[in-house]
Amino acid sequence: MSVELPGTILIVDDEPINIAVLTDILEERYEILFATDGAKAIELAKSAQPDLILLDVMMPGLDGYAVCARLKQERDTAHLPVIFVTAMSDVNDEARGLELGAMDYITKPVSPPVVRARVRNQIELKHARDQLLRLAVTDALTGLANRRHFDSVLEKEYLRLARTRGMLSLILFDVDHFKAFNDTYGHLAGDDCLRRIGGVVLQTITRAADLGARYGGEEFACILPETNHGGAVSLAEKLRGEILALGIPHVKSSVAKHVTASLGVVTVRCIAGRSPLHVVAQADEQLYAAKSAGRNRIQALRFDAP
């Protein structure tokens, strides 16, 4: 027997009785949201991010086709699967909906077994796609964002903040004398060291807007949108302390008896028309300065000018 996956379904229909029928069929297995017009459906889809949308075709104002088209045009909702629920059975109507991006059709009057099967299939597919997307942007060793995802998020956040000349902070850090650590303890121990440091980042970077990433090798990065310089430095100091507190032995380190990290912190005012790469370059300079000053420390810079 197949096990139903948890999920949230948004039912969109201008007739409350139709919403009630579908709710009776599905509410035992899924969380149900509903909307009785197209505008409310789009608003709910953006805010609630349901796993599936059951969308009536014939509605006053924005009909189902128009709602589906709007959903597929918006970046925040384009990935949400849509099943049309309709009394229309013309093949041209069905083709139109599929061309707009709908995944399937359910015809009225609905059959409970058909509704359950098609809903289950689409939610299973969505969960599988979501898992693939997570794997594509995640560093397999540490569980942090990978370099590709870091670059993408940095660009998007910088462009967003540039609209209001907002502040962006970035932390760049790496493990002190990591090559010597690998040479002494072996690559398996090196992987375990990086994995544990990744865990520190995951536990320390807690705001939903922030991102912790493995930048490459033994180097890590943290994107902190709308974080002032003092907050970024405090967070960097917490990272430094927590890494030291892991107590991972490092007999070949010239800094301490345990694994340590050097950190560069930069806070910038985002400027329209500029590349966010200059933020990384500034953070890298601060990281180099921290290493040059003796390692196991933070070097930080705040600047507003381009």
Foldseek 3Di string as FASTA:
>chain_A
DDDFDEWEEEEEALDVVVVVVVCVLPVVRYHYHYDNDLVVSLVCCQPVVTQEYEAEADHPDQGRLNSLLVQCVDPSRVLRAYEYEYQDDDPVVVVSSVVSPHDYYAYPPGDSVVSVVVVRVSSVVSVVVVVVVLVVQADPLARFGEQVVVLVLLQVLLQVLQVVLAKKKKKKKFKAPLVLVCVVPNVVVSSVLLNVLSVLVVVLPPDPSKGKYQNDDRMIMIIDTRADQVRQQVSVVSSQVVSVVVQAADCPGPQDRHMGMEMFMEMEGRHPPDGSVVNVVNRVVQSVVCVVVRGSYYGYYYDYDD
